[in-house]
Protein backbone atom coordinates (compact mmCIF):
# COMPACT_ATOMS: atom_id res chain seq x y z
CA MET A 1 0.00 0.00 0.00
CA GLU A 2 1.27 3.43 -0.94
CA SER A 3 1.90 6.01 1.77
CA SER A 4 0.19 9.39 1.39
CA ASN A 5 1.70 12.73 2.32
CA TRP A 6 -1.64 14.53 2.43
CA LYS A 7 -1.89 17.11 5.20
CA PRO A 8 -5.39 18.51 5.76
CA THR A 9 -5.87 22.26 5.85
CA GLU A 10 -7.45 23.84 8.92
CA GLU A 11 -10.76 24.07 7.04
CA GLU A 12 -10.60 20.38 6.08
CA ARG A 13 -9.78 19.49 9.66
CA GLU A 14 -12.83 21.42 10.89
CA VAL A 15 -15.07 19.66 8.35
CA MET A 16 -13.74 16.25 9.39
CA GLU A 17 -14.34 17.10 13.05
CA ALA A 18 -17.92 18.19 12.33
CA VAL A 19 -18.62 15.01 10.35
CA TRP A 20 -17.06 12.85 13.07
CA MET A 21 -19.27 14.46 15.72
CA GLN A 22 -22.36 13.66 13.61
CA VAL A 23 -21.26 10.05 13.08
CA LYS A 24 -20.42 9.65 16.77
CA GLY A 25 -23.84 11.02 17.78
CA ALA A 26 -25.62 8.70 15.36
CA CYS A 27 -23.66 5.71 16.68
CA GLU A 28 -24.48 6.60 20.29
CA LYS A 29 -28.18 6.95 19.46
CA LEU A 30 -28.18 3.62 17.62
CA LYS A 31 -26.37 2.01 20.56
CA GLU A 32 -29.12 3.23 22.92
CA GLU A 33 -31.90 1.97 20.65
CA THR A 34 -30.43 -1.43 19.73
CA ASN A 35 -28.08 -4.06 21.09
CA ALA A 36 -25.26 -2.95 18.76
CA LYS A 37 -21.79 -3.00 20.29
CA ASP A 38 -18.60 -1.10 19.46
CA GLU A 39 -17.34 -3.92 17.23
CA HIS A 40 -20.51 -3.59 15.12
CA PHE A 41 -19.84 0.12 14.61
CA LYS A 42 -16.20 -0.53 13.80
CA LYS A 43 -17.19 -3.08 11.16
CA MET A 44 -19.88 -0.78 9.71
CA LEU A 45 -17.50 2.19 9.45
CA GLN A 46 -14.80 0.01 7.86
CA GLU A 47 -17.28 -1.33 5.31
CA MET A 48 -18.36 2.22 4.46
CA ALA A 49 -14.76 3.37 4.07
CA ASP A 50 -13.95 0.35 1.88
CA ARG A 51 -16.99 0.90 -0.29
CA TYR A 52 -16.64 4.61 -0.88
CA TYR A 53 -12.89 5.16 -0.70
CA SER A 54 -11.31 2.02 -2.16
């Protein structure tokens, strides 16, 4: 696998933080409403990353 030298700008960093907070909130809500565990969220996020960014 090739190594990337990408360094996010401050604006990109802020966007990533905002998106992460939304994802984290959605995961916490789903965790409260179902029996999903952290490993389920890890697998789901990995599958999403593989699908959209591979």
